Amino acid sequence: MSKGIKLKTFRNFFRSKQIGGIILLLCVVISLSVANSTLGKKFEDLLSLVIGYSSETFSIEYSLAAWINDGLMAVFFLLVGLEIKREIIEGELSSPRKAAMPIFAALGGMVLPALAYSLFNSNTATSSGWGIPMATDIAFALGVLSLLGKRVPPSLKIFLAALAIVDDLGAILVIAFFYTDELHLAQLLYAAGIMAFLVLLNRLGVKKLFFYIIPGIFLWYFVHHSGIHATIAGVLLAMTIPTNKGRNTSPLEKLEHMLVRPVNFLIMPIFALANTNIKFESNMVDGLLSPMGLGILGGLIIAKPIGITLFSWLSVRLGFSALPSQSTWKHIFGLGMLAGIGFTMSIFIALLSFRSMEYQLGAKFSVLVASVIAGISGYFFLSRLNKNILLNRKKLLRRRKLSVNPRT
């Protein structure tokens, strides 16, 4: 793929994430408003509505909420998988030096928040939620960064996108290995057989997306019934979609282009509507000071920027990478603050972490508060940082002028 096409692809990707973040925010406001109005109970009943078909040999009957979280979110994960594969093949993760810093940064942004949560929740009923503060919401984070416009180096936007994509991969692995209940071997074998068939299609050079999507639907069904979370099927399918490094548009790029807008403008807003319907109660603020609340707040607001900055520094110190162009370590720390916007993936992991509705609501509220704090503080930190840099540049220019012409 040529440099011009790469830049165009990234601009489209960034623009869709930016606008998608604004729509997400509106849906959060709508969902919270509905939940705290007279329509709240009716909305809950709608989400509990069972849709589908079930028989002795075939069952595909779930609540509307389950269809959103297991079905629509599988399409979201399919897009995430496509983005990850594209970045590995031809993007910001395509070479060890390019990939080193985003990978290190993402690891720091996952490990330290998980440790911070575990520190507060060790040997408690909420200890299973350690994966909640590990995630970064790429749509919201890029959306906030976009508000800064030219006040931040363009390289930071690319770095944040790459970091968030690696972070998504980490979240996928965490869900697959740590948030899976009992496994059903027969269903798992059927899923493995379909996956082998998809890989064979790729090896044989089959380019038509139809031949991947249809088996992909069956892959989702068997993965769902195997005990592994159904969304993993989206990622597995993405890994089999053919791509290339040439100028010609690959099947992967076609599918990614087809999914970007439906995911950002439809699927994610529906997820936000369905999963941020939090009814505010007086004891919710007290819940922020519970071990779970402190673990989520501390993980996303404090441990996230520290982990990202520390591990980024290590990658540079060890000679694996270099700072993004025109950026400083303060920029990286500010970016780490924005990465504390967990939202979508954090709420998704919260739903997998707890069976108790009380814990789920408490975790959602904590994620919401932490994400708002992270977004606002990150925005103002980077905005203020830019002002200081501009002032220092002006002072330096004045000194140079005075040294050249002392009389002035």
Protein backbone atom coordinates (compact mmCIF):
# COMPACT_ATOMS: atom_id res chain seq x y z
CA MET A 1 0.00 0.00 0.00
CA SER A 2 1.37 3.42 -0.97
CA LYS A 3 2.08 6.15 1.58
CA GLY A 4 -0.80 8.27 0.26
CA ILE A 5 -3.29 5.43 0.63
CA LYS A 6 -1.99 4.66 4.13
CA LEU A 7 -2.49 8.29 5.22
CA LYS A 8 -5.99 8.33 3.70
CA THR A 9 -6.88 5.09 5.50
CA PHE A 10 -5.68 6.50 8.81
CA ARG A 11 -7.55 9.79 8.30
CA ASN A 12 -10.78 7.90 7.58
CA PHE A 13 -10.15 5.66 10.59
CA PHE A 14 -9.43 8.65 12.85
CA ARG A 15 -12.39 10.69 11.56
CA SER A 16 -14.84 7.83 12.10
CA LYS A 17 -13.53 7.27 15.63
CA GLN A 18 -13.77 10.98 16.35
CA ILE A 19 -17.42 11.35 15.23
CA GLY A 20 -18.25 7.96 16.70
CA GLY A 21 -17.00 9.20 20.07
CA ILE A 22 -19.39 12.16 19.95
CA ILE A 23 -22.35 9.88 19.08
CA LEU A 24 -21.32 7.53 21.89
CA LEU A 25 -21.36 10.43 24.34
CA LEU A 26 -24.87 11.44 23.24
CA CYS A 27 -26.07 7.84 23.67
CA VAL A 28 -24.60 7.70 27.18
CA VAL A 29 -26.51 10.88 28.10
CA ILE A 30 -29.74 9.48 26.57
CA SER A 31 -29.32 6.12 28.34
CA LEU A 32 -28.67 7.76 31.72
CA SER A 33 -31.64 10.10 31.23
CA VAL A 34 -34.00 7.24 30.33
CA ALA A 35 -32.79 5.07 33.25
CA ASN A 36 -33.53 7.88 35.70
CA SER A 37 -36.96 8.71 34.28
CA THR A 38 -40.36 7.04 34.33
CA LEU A 39 -39.30 5.10 31.23
CA GLY A 40 -36.51 3.30 33.10
CA LYS A 41 -38.53 0.17 33.97
CA LYS A 42 -39.93 -0.14 30.43
CA PHE A 43 -36.41 0.13 29.00
CA GLU A 44 -35.19 -2.65 31.32
CA ASP A 45 -38.11 -4.82 30.24
CA LEU A 46 -37.22 -4.17 26.59
CA LEU A 47 -33.63 -5.30 27.18
CA SER A 48 -34.93 -8.45 28.91
CA LEU A 49 -37.17 -9.33 25.96
CA VAL A 50 -36.26 -12.83 24.68
CA ILE A 51 -35.77 -13.13 20.93
CA GLY A 52 -34.81 -16.17 18.83
CA TYR A 53 -35.55 -19.85 18.32
CA SER A 54 -34.85 -22.91 20.43
CA SER A 55 -35.29 -26.67 19.97
CA GLU A 56 -33.74 -29.85 21.39
CA THR A 57 -30.84 -29.76 18.92
CA PHE A 58 -30.54 -26.06 18.12
CA SER A 59 -30.76 -23.04 20.40
CA ILE A 60 -30.36 -19.41 19.44
CA GLU A 61 -32.77 -17.76 21.88
CA TYR A 62 -31.45 -14.88 24.02
CA SER A 63 -32.53 -11.63 25.59
CA LEU A 64 -32.14 -8.41 23.60
CA ALA A 65 -29.30 -7.40 25.95
CA ALA A 66 -27.51 -10.71 25.26
CA TRP A 67 -27.94 -10.26 21.50
CA ILE A 68 -26.29 -6.84 21.82
CA ASN A 69 -23.43 -7.97 24.07
CA ASP A 70 -22.75 -11.33 22.42
CA GLY A 71 -23.96 -10.76 18.86
CA LEU A 72 -23.42 -7.13 17.86
CA MET A 73 -20.23 -6.93 19.92
CA ALA A 74 -18.84 -9.88 17.91
CA VAL A 75 -19.05 -7.60 14.85
CA PHE A 76 -17.22 -4.90 16.84
CA PHE A 77 -14.49 -7.41 17.71
CA LEU A 78 -14.36 -8.48 14.05
CA LEU A 79 -13.50 -4.87 13.15
CA VAL A 80 -10.95 -4.69 15.97
CA GLY A 81 -9.38 -7.92 14.70
CA LEU A 82 -9.18 -6.52 11.16
CA GLU A 83 -7.52 -3.33 12.45
CA ILE A 84 -5.01 -5.35 14.45
CA LYS A 85 -4.14 -7.58 11.47
CA ARG A 86 -3.79 -4.59 9.12
CA GLU A 87 -1.50 -2.78 11.56
CA ILE A 88 0.64 -5.93 11.97
CA ILE A 89 0.90 -6.51 8.21
CA GLU A 90 1.40 -2.97 6.92
CA GLY A 91 0.83 -0.36 9.61
CA GLU A 92 2.23 0.95 12.88
CA LEU A 93 2.92 -2.58 14.18
CA SER A 94 4.54 -3.89 10.99
CA SER A 95 8.15 -3.67 12.17
CA PRO A 96 9.77 -4.30 15.57
CA ARG A 97 10.91 -0.68 15.94
CA LYS A 98 7.50 0.74 14.97
CA ALA A 99 5.64 -1.68 17.21
CA ALA A 100 7.96 -1.56 20.24
CA MET A 101 6.75 1.63 21.90
CA PRO A 102 2.97 1.11 21.44
CA ILE A 103 3.35 -2.49 22.66
CA PHE A 104 5.42 -1.48 25.69
CA ALA A 105 3.04 1.42 26.43
CA ALA A 106 -0.04 -0.81 26.15
CA LEU A 107 1.54 -3.44 28.42
CA GLY A 108 2.27 -0.80 31.05
CA GLY A 109 -1.26 0.53 30.65
CA MET A 110 -2.67 -2.94 31.31
CA VAL A 111 -0.33 -4.42 33.93
CA LEU A 112 -0.20 -1.52 36.41
CA PRO A 113 -3.99 -0.86 36.46
CA ALA A 114 -4.65 -4.59 36.97
CA LEU A 115 -2.15 -4.61 39.86
CA ALA A 116 -3.69 -1.46 41.33
CA TYR A 117 -7.16 -3.02 41.23
CA SER A 118 -5.90 -6.27 42.75
CA LEU A 119 -4.18 -4.30 45.52
CA PHE A 120 -7.52 -2.87 46.63
CA ASN A 121 -9.58 -6.01 45.99
CA SER A 122 -7.36 -8.87 47.13
CA ASN A 123 -9.44 -11.63 48.79
CA THR A 124 -12.73 -9.79 48.26
CA ALA A 125 -15.95 -10.71 46.42
CA THR A 126 -14.97 -8.25 43.65
CA SER A 127 -11.45 -9.58 43.03
CA SER A 128 -12.48 -10.99 39.63
CA GLY A 129 -12.83 -7.47 38.22
CA TRP A 130 -9.08 -6.92 37.81
CA GLY A 131 -9.46 -6.74 34.01
CA ILE A 132 -11.85 -3.75 34.15
CA PRO A 133 -9.25 -0.90 34.41
CA MET A 134 -6.95 -2.48 31.81
CA ALA A 135 -8.97 -1.26 28.82
CA THR A 136 -8.86 1.95 26.74
CA ASP A 137 -11.83 3.19 24.73
CA ILE A 138 -10.26 4.13 21.40
CA ALA A 139 -13.29 6.10 20.14
CA PHE A 140 -13.55 8.38 23.17
CA ALA A 141 -9.77 8.75 23.63
CA LEU A 142 -9.25 9.76 19.98
CA GLY A 143 -12.34 11.94 20.15
CA VAL A 144 -10.94 13.96 23.07
CA LEU A 145 -7.50 14.16 21.46
CA SER A 146 -9.08 15.46 18.27
CA LEU A 147 -10.55 18.41 20.21
CA LEU A 148 -6.99 19.61 20.77
CA GLY A 149 -6.49 19.90 17.00
CA LYS A 150 -3.07 21.24 16.04
CA ARG A 151 -2.16 21.86 19.68
CA VAL A 152 -0.68 18.35 19.86
CA PRO A 153 1.83 16.74 17.46
CA PRO A 154 0.13 14.60 14.75
CA SER A 155 2.41 11.71 15.70
CA LEU A 156 0.60 11.46 19.07
CA LYS A 157 -2.67 10.62 17.33
CA ILE A 158 -1.03 7.75 15.45
CA PHE A 159 0.70 6.59 18.64
CA LEU A 160 -2.57 6.62 20.62
CA ALA A 161 -4.38 4.68 17.87
CA ALA A 162 -1.63 2.03 17.78
CA LEU A 163 -1.53 1.85 21.59
CA ALA A 164 -5.31 1.42 21.80
CA ILE A 165 -5.26 -1.32 19.15
CA VAL A 166 -2.62 -3.27 21.12
CA ASP A 167 -4.70 -2.61 24.24
CA ASP A 168 -7.74 -4.11 22.49
CA LEU A 169 -5.70 -7.19 21.62
CA GLY A 170 -4.70 -7.49 25.28
CA ALA A 171 -8.35 -7.20 26.35
CA ILE A 172 -9.32 -9.90 23.83
CA LEU A 173 -6.71 -12.28 25.26
CA VAL A 174 -7.81 -11.50 28.83
CA ILE A 175 -11.44 -12.25 27.94
CA ALA A 176 -10.50 -15.47 26.14
CA PHE A 177 -8.25 -16.87 28.89
CA PHE A 178 -9.62 -15.44 32.14
CA TYR A 179 -13.31 -14.68 31.60
CA THR A 180 -14.37 -18.00 30.13
CA ASP A 181 -16.57 -20.36 32.15
CA GLU A 182 -16.64 -24.13 31.60
CA LEU A 183 -15.65 -25.39 28.14
CA HIS A 184 -17.77 -27.78 26.04
CA LEU A 185 -15.35 -29.90 24.04
CA ALA A 186 -17.72 -30.97 21.24
CA GLN A 187 -18.70 -27.38 20.38
CA LEU A 188 -15.07 -26.31 20.64
CA LEU A 189 -14.05 -29.02 18.15
CA TYR A 190 -16.76 -27.88 15.69
CA ALA A 191 -15.45 -24.31 16.02
CA ALA A 192 -11.88 -25.52 15.47
CA GLY A 193 -12.98 -27.37 12.33
CA ILE A 194 -14.61 -24.25 10.90
CA MET A 195 -11.53 -22.22 11.77
CA ALA A 196 -9.33 -24.75 9.94
CA PHE A 197 -11.63 -24.49 6.91
CA LEU A 198 -11.34 -20.67 6.94
CA VAL A 199 -7.54 -20.88 7.13
CA LEU A 200 -7.59 -23.32 4.18
CA LEU A 201 -9.68 -20.84 2.15
CA ASN A 202 -7.07 -18.18 2.89
CA ARG A 203 -4.22 -20.49 1.82
CA LEU A 204 -6.04 -21.39 -1.40
CA GLY A 205 -6.28 -17.70 -2.27
CA VAL A 206 -10.07 -17.37 -2.03
CA LYS A 207 -10.85 -13.63 -2.11
CA LYS A 208 -14.66 -13.48 -2.03
CA LEU A 209 -15.79 -12.27 1.41
CA PHE A 210 -19.02 -14.29 1.13
CA PHE A 211 -17.04 -17.54 1.58
CA TYR A 212 -15.65 -16.24 4.89
CA ILE A 213 -18.72 -14.51 6.35
CA ILE A 214 -21.09 -17.51 6.10
CA PRO A 215 -18.72 -19.96 7.89
CA GLY A 216 -17.98 -17.07 10.29
CA ILE A 217 -21.62 -17.05 11.43
CA PHE A 218 -21.40 -20.77 12.26
CA LEU A 219 -18.06 -20.11 13.97
CA TRP A 220 -19.81 -17.56 16.20
CA TYR A 221 -22.56 -20.07 17.06
CA PHE A 222 -20.18 -22.87 18.09
CA VAL A 223 -17.79 -20.55 19.95
CA HIS A 224 -20.77 -19.15 21.87
CA HIS A 225 -21.91 -22.65 22.84
CA SER A 226 -18.37 -23.81 23.66
CA GLY A 227 -18.16 -21.61 26.76
CA ILE A 228 -15.64 -19.12 25.30
CA HIS A 229 -17.17 -15.68 24.97
CA ALA A 230 -18.80 -15.35 21.54
CA THR A 231 -17.04 -12.08 20.68
CA ILE A 232 -13.76 -14.00 20.29
CA ALA A 233 -15.24 -15.53 17.13
CA GLY A 234 -15.08 -12.07 15.52
CA VAL A 235 -11.34 -11.85 16.14
CA LEU A 236 -10.71 -15.41 14.93
CA LEU A 237 -12.61 -14.70 11.72
CA ALA A 238 -10.65 -11.47 11.18
CA MET A 239 -7.35 -13.34 11.33
CA THR A 240 -8.37 -15.48 8.31
CA ILE A 241 -9.48 -12.61 6.02
CA PRO A 242 -6.90 -12.21 3.19
CA THR A 243 -4.81 -9.03 2.95
CA ASN A 244 -1.74 -7.78 1.09
CA LYS A 245 0.92 -5.08 1.14
CA GLY A 246 0.33 -3.91 -2.42
CA ARG A 247 -1.62 -1.02 -3.90
CA ASN A 248 -4.67 -3.16 -4.70
CA THR A 249 -7.44 -3.07 -2.09
CA SER A 250 -7.48 -6.37 -0.23
CA PRO A 251 -10.55 -8.26 1.05
CA LEU A 252 -9.53 -7.24 4.59
CA GLU A 253 -9.56 -3.55 3.66
CA LYS A 254 -12.91 -3.94 1.87
CA LEU A 255 -14.50 -5.58 4.91
CA GLU A 256 -12.94 -3.04 7.26
CA HIS A 257 -14.30 -0.21 5.11
CA MET A 258 -17.75 -1.85 5.13
CA LEU A 259 -17.78 -2.23 8.93
CA VAL A 260 -16.24 1.04 10.19
CA ARG A 261 -19.37 3.17 9.90
CA PRO A 262 -21.95 0.56 11.04
CA VAL A 263 -19.78 -0.26 14.07
CA ASN A 264 -18.97 3.33 15.07
CA PHE A 265 -22.34 4.86 14.22
CA LEU A 266 -24.72 1.99 15.08
CA ILE A 267 -23.28 -0.93 17.05
CA MET A 268 -21.28 1.04 19.61
CA PRO A 269 -24.09 3.57 20.23
CA ILE A 270 -26.54 0.66 20.74
CA PHE A 271 -24.07 -0.93 23.18
CA ALA A 272 -23.81 2.39 25.05
CA LEU A 273 -27.61 2.76 25.18
CA ALA A 274 -28.03 -0.78 26.52
CA ASN A 275 -25.21 -0.78 29.05
CA THR A 276 -25.07 2.69 30.59
CA ASN A 277 -28.68 2.69 31.78
CA ILE A 278 -27.53 3.33 35.34
CA LYS A 279 -30.18 4.44 37.81
CA PHE A 280 -28.51 6.87 40.18
CA GLU A 281 -28.93 6.13 43.87
CA SER A 282 -27.62 7.90 46.97
CA ASN A 283 -25.25 5.06 47.92
CA MET A 284 -23.50 5.07 44.52
CA VAL A 285 -21.07 7.82 45.55
CA ASP A 286 -20.16 5.76 48.62
CA GLY A 287 -19.54 2.85 46.23
CA LEU A 288 -16.70 4.84 44.66
CA LEU A 289 -14.87 4.47 47.96
CA SER A 290 -15.43 0.70 48.08
CA PRO A 291 -12.51 -1.60 47.16
CA MET A 292 -14.00 -2.10 43.68
CA GLY A 293 -14.58 1.63 43.14
CA LEU A 294 -11.11 2.57 44.35
CA GLY A 295 -9.57 -0.18 42.23
CA ILE A 296 -11.27 1.07 39.06
CA LEU A 297 -10.65 4.77 39.79
CA GLY A 298 -7.04 4.18 40.85
CA GLY A 299 -6.40 1.87 37.90
CA LEU A 300 -7.78 4.14 35.18
CA ILE A 301 -6.88 7.58 36.55
CA ILE A 302 -3.51 6.99 38.26
CA ALA A 303 -1.99 3.62 37.31
CA LYS A 304 -2.84 3.94 33.59
CA PRO A 305 -0.76 7.09 32.81
CA ILE A 306 2.06 5.95 35.09
CA GLY A 307 2.18 2.50 33.47
CA ILE A 308 2.11 3.88 29.93
CA THR A 309 4.81 6.48 30.64
CA LEU A 310 7.05 4.10 32.59
CA PHE A 311 6.94 1.28 30.05
CA SER A 312 7.38 3.75 27.14
CA TRP A 313 10.46 5.14 28.88
CA LEU A 314 11.79 1.58 29.26
CA SER A 315 11.35 0.87 25.54
CA VAL A 316 13.32 4.03 24.66
CA ARG A 317 15.91 3.43 27.39
CA LEU A 318 16.51 -0.13 26.12
CA GLY A 319 16.93 1.17 22.56
CA PHE A 320 13.88 -0.55 21.14
CA SER A 321 12.15 2.64 20.02
CA ALA A 322 12.18 6.45 20.03
CA LEU A 323 9.71 9.11 21.14
CA PRO A 324 7.07 10.08 18.54
CA SER A 325 8.26 13.08 16.51
CA GLN A 326 7.86 16.55 18.11
CA SER A 327 6.66 15.00 21.38
CA THR A 328 8.06 15.00 24.93
CA TRP A 329 7.62 12.74 27.93
CA LYS A 330 4.96 15.12 29.22
CA HIS A 331 3.02 14.46 26.00
CA ILE A 332 3.24 10.72 26.65
CA PHE A 333 2.00 11.19 30.23
CA GLY A 334 -0.92 13.32 28.98
CA LEU A 335 -1.72 10.64 26.42
CA GLY A 336 -1.66 8.10 29.25
CA MET A 337 -4.24 10.20 31.06
CA LEU A 338 -6.54 10.06 28.01
CA ALA A 339 -5.97 6.29 27.81
CA GLY A 340 -7.69 6.13 31.21
CA ILE A 341 -10.98 6.55 29.35
CA GLY A 342 -12.00 2.91 29.66
CA PHE A 343 -15.73 3.05 28.95
CA THR A 344 -16.82 0.51 26.26
CA MET A 345 -14.33 -2.28 26.86
CA SER A 346 -14.17 -1.66 30.62
CA ILE A 347 -17.96 -1.89 30.93
CA PHE A 348 -17.92 -4.99 28.73
CA ILE A 349 -15.35 -6.70 30.99
CA ALA A 350 -17.36 -5.58 34.06
CA LEU A 351 -20.38 -7.48 32.69
CA LEU A 352 -18.21 -10.60 32.33
CA SER A 353 -16.59 -10.15 35.76
CA PHE A 354 -19.68 -10.13 37.95
CA ARG A 355 -22.93 -12.07 38.05
CA SER A 356 -24.37 -9.70 40.66
CA MET A 357 -26.38 -6.81 39.18
CA GLU A 358 -25.32 -4.67 42.15
CA TYR A 359 -21.62 -5.17 41.34
CA GLN A 360 -22.23 -4.60 37.63
CA LEU A 361 -23.98 -1.28 38.26
CA GLY A 362 -21.29 -0.21 40.75
CA ALA A 363 -18.54 -1.08 38.26
CA LYS A 364 -20.33 0.76 35.43
CA PHE A 365 -20.72 3.89 37.57
CA SER A 366 -17.06 3.77 38.63
CA VAL A 367 -15.93 3.34 35.01
CA LEU A 368 -18.15 6.25 33.96
CA VAL A 369 -16.74 8.57 36.67
CA ALA A 370 -13.13 7.47 36.03
CA SER A 371 -13.51 7.95 32.27
CA VAL A 372 -14.94 11.48 32.69
CA ILE A 373 -12.10 12.45 35.06
CA ALA A 374 -9.46 10.91 32.75
CA GLY A 375 -10.87 12.65 29.68
CA ILE A 376 -11.15 16.10 31.27
CA SER A 377 -7.80 15.97 33.07
CA GLY A 378 -6.00 14.62 29.98
CA TYR A 379 -7.49 17.32 27.78
CA PHE A 380 -6.54 20.19 30.09
CA PHE A 381 -3.08 18.75 30.82
CA LEU A 382 -2.21 18.49 27.12
CA SER A 383 -3.83 21.86 26.37
CA ARG A 384 -1.85 23.58 29.14
CA LEU A 385 1.31 21.76 28.10
CA ASN A 386 0.99 23.13 24.58
CA LYS A 387 0.58 26.70 25.89
CA ASN A 388 3.75 26.36 27.96
CA ILE A 389 5.66 24.98 24.96
CA LEU A 390 4.52 27.92 22.79
CA LEU A 391 5.50 30.43 25.47
CA ASN A 392 8.94 28.86 25.83
CA ARG A 393 9.42 28.96 22.03
CA LYS A 394 8.50 32.67 21.98
CA LYS A 395 10.95 33.41 24.80
CA LEU A 396 13.69 31.50 22.98
CA LEU A 397 13.03 33.45 19.74
CA ARG A 398 13.20 36.77 21.64
CA ARG A 399 16.54 35.78 23.19
CA ARG A 400 17.92 34.86 19.79
CA LYS A 401 16.80 38.20 18.36
CA LEU A 402 18.36 40.09 21.26
CA SER A 403 21.64 38.21 20.86
CA VAL A 404 21.73 39.05 17.13
CA ASN A 405 20.71 42.71 17.58
CA PRO A 406 21.50 43.86 21.19
CA ARG A 407 20.31 47.47 20.57
CA THR A 408 16.70 46.34 20.16
